[in-house]
């Protein structure tokens, strides 16, 4: 009747968040820039919307680069031969 152990999925999710703390930040930044761009398009400011869409691509690319870089750094390279 002691402690209840957390499920394996919860453990791995917490572990991934600790290894990749900037990836969720990048995802939220990407979503924020996308939302701001869509709002500016909706308001008729296409020039600002276009700049925000370009910024979204940059932020999204940086997020993917962080994911790949931290996976490689921590040794989770799927192309690495065992």
Protein backbone atom coordinates (compact mmCIF):
# COMPACT_ATOMS: atom_id res chain seq x y z
CA UNK A 1 0.00 0.00 0.00
CA UNK A 2 3.05 2.20 -0.30
CA UNK A 3 3.98 4.54 -3.09
CA UNK A 4 2.49 4.40 -6.53
CA UNK A 5 5.17 4.32 -9.21
CA UNK A 6 4.71 6.69 -12.14
CA UNK A 7 4.16 5.07 -15.49
CA UNK A 8 7.08 4.61 -17.83
CA UNK A 9 5.66 7.13 -20.32
CA UNK A 10 5.56 9.88 -17.69
CA UNK A 11 9.17 9.18 -16.75
CA UNK A 12 10.39 9.40 -20.33
CA UNK A 13 8.42 12.58 -21.00
CA UNK A 14 10.01 14.25 -17.97
CA UNK A 15 13.43 13.01 -19.04
CA UNK A 16 12.99 14.43 -22.56
CA UNK A 17 11.89 17.78 -21.18
CA UNK A 18 15.01 17.95 -19.03
CA UNK A 19 17.26 17.03 -21.97
CA UNK A 20 15.58 19.43 -24.40
CA UNK A 21 14.43 22.42 -22.34
CA UNK A 22 14.58 24.82 -25.29
CA UNK A 23 12.49 22.71 -27.67
CA UNK A 24 9.15 23.48 -25.97
CA UNK A 25 10.15 27.14 -25.86
CA UNK A 26 10.86 27.01 -29.60
CA UNK A 27 7.53 25.34 -30.25
CA UNK A 28 5.67 28.03 -28.33
CA UNK A 29 7.62 30.77 -30.11
CA UNK A 30 6.77 29.20 -33.46
CA UNK A 31 3.09 29.05 -32.53
CA UNK A 32 3.16 32.64 -31.28
CA UNK A 33 4.78 34.03 -34.41
CA UNK A 34 2.39 32.01 -36.58
CA UNK A 35 -0.61 33.37 -34.66
CA UNK A 36 0.66 36.94 -34.90
CA UNK A 37 1.25 36.52 -38.63
CA UNK A 38 -2.21 35.13 -39.24
CA UNK A 39 -3.78 37.96 -37.24
CA UNK A 40 -1.85 40.57 -39.21
CA UNK A 41 -2.96 38.96 -42.49
CA UNK A 42 -6.54 38.98 -41.24
CA UNK A 43 -6.27 42.69 -40.40
CA UNK A 44 -4.98 43.45 -43.89
CA UNK A 45 -1.36 44.16 -43.01
CA UNK A 46 0.16 41.77 -45.51
CA UNK A 47 3.66 43.27 -45.33
CA UNK A 48 3.97 42.60 -41.60
CA UNK A 49 2.32 39.21 -42.03
CA UNK A 50 4.88 38.22 -44.64
CA UNK A 51 7.74 39.22 -42.32
CA UNK A 52 6.19 37.23 -39.50
CA UNK A 53 5.81 34.17 -41.72
CA UNK A 54 9.50 34.40 -42.62
CA UNK A 55 10.34 34.75 -38.93
CA UNK A 56 8.23 31.66 -38.23
CA UNK A 57 10.30 29.65 -40.69
CA UNK A 58 13.51 30.79 -38.97
CA UNK A 59 12.18 29.98 -35.49
CA UNK A 60 10.85 26.62 -36.67
CA UNK A 61 14.21 25.77 -38.26
CA UNK A 62 16.01 26.69 -35.06
CA UNK A 63 13.67 24.44 -33.08
CA UNK A 64 14.35 21.50 -35.38
CA UNK A 65 18.08 22.19 -35.20
CA UNK A 66 17.86 22.16 -31.38
CA UNK A 67 16.03 18.84 -31.47
CA UNK A 68 18.62 17.24 -33.76
CA UNK A 69 21.54 18.80 -31.91
CA UNK A 70 20.46 17.68 -28.46
CA UNK A 71 19.58 14.19 -29.73
CA UNK A 72 23.06 13.91 -31.20
CA UNK A 73 24.69 15.35 -28.06
CA UNK A 74 22.95 12.88 -25.77
CA UNK A 75 23.75 9.95 -28.02
CA UNK A 76 20.29 9.24 -29.41
CA UNK A 77 21.56 9.13 -32.98
CA UNK A 78 19.37 6.78 -35.03
CA UNK A 79 21.97 6.60 -37.81
CA UNK A 80 24.72 5.48 -35.48
CA UNK A 81 25.66 1.84 -35.97
CA UNK A 82 25.71 -0.28 -32.84
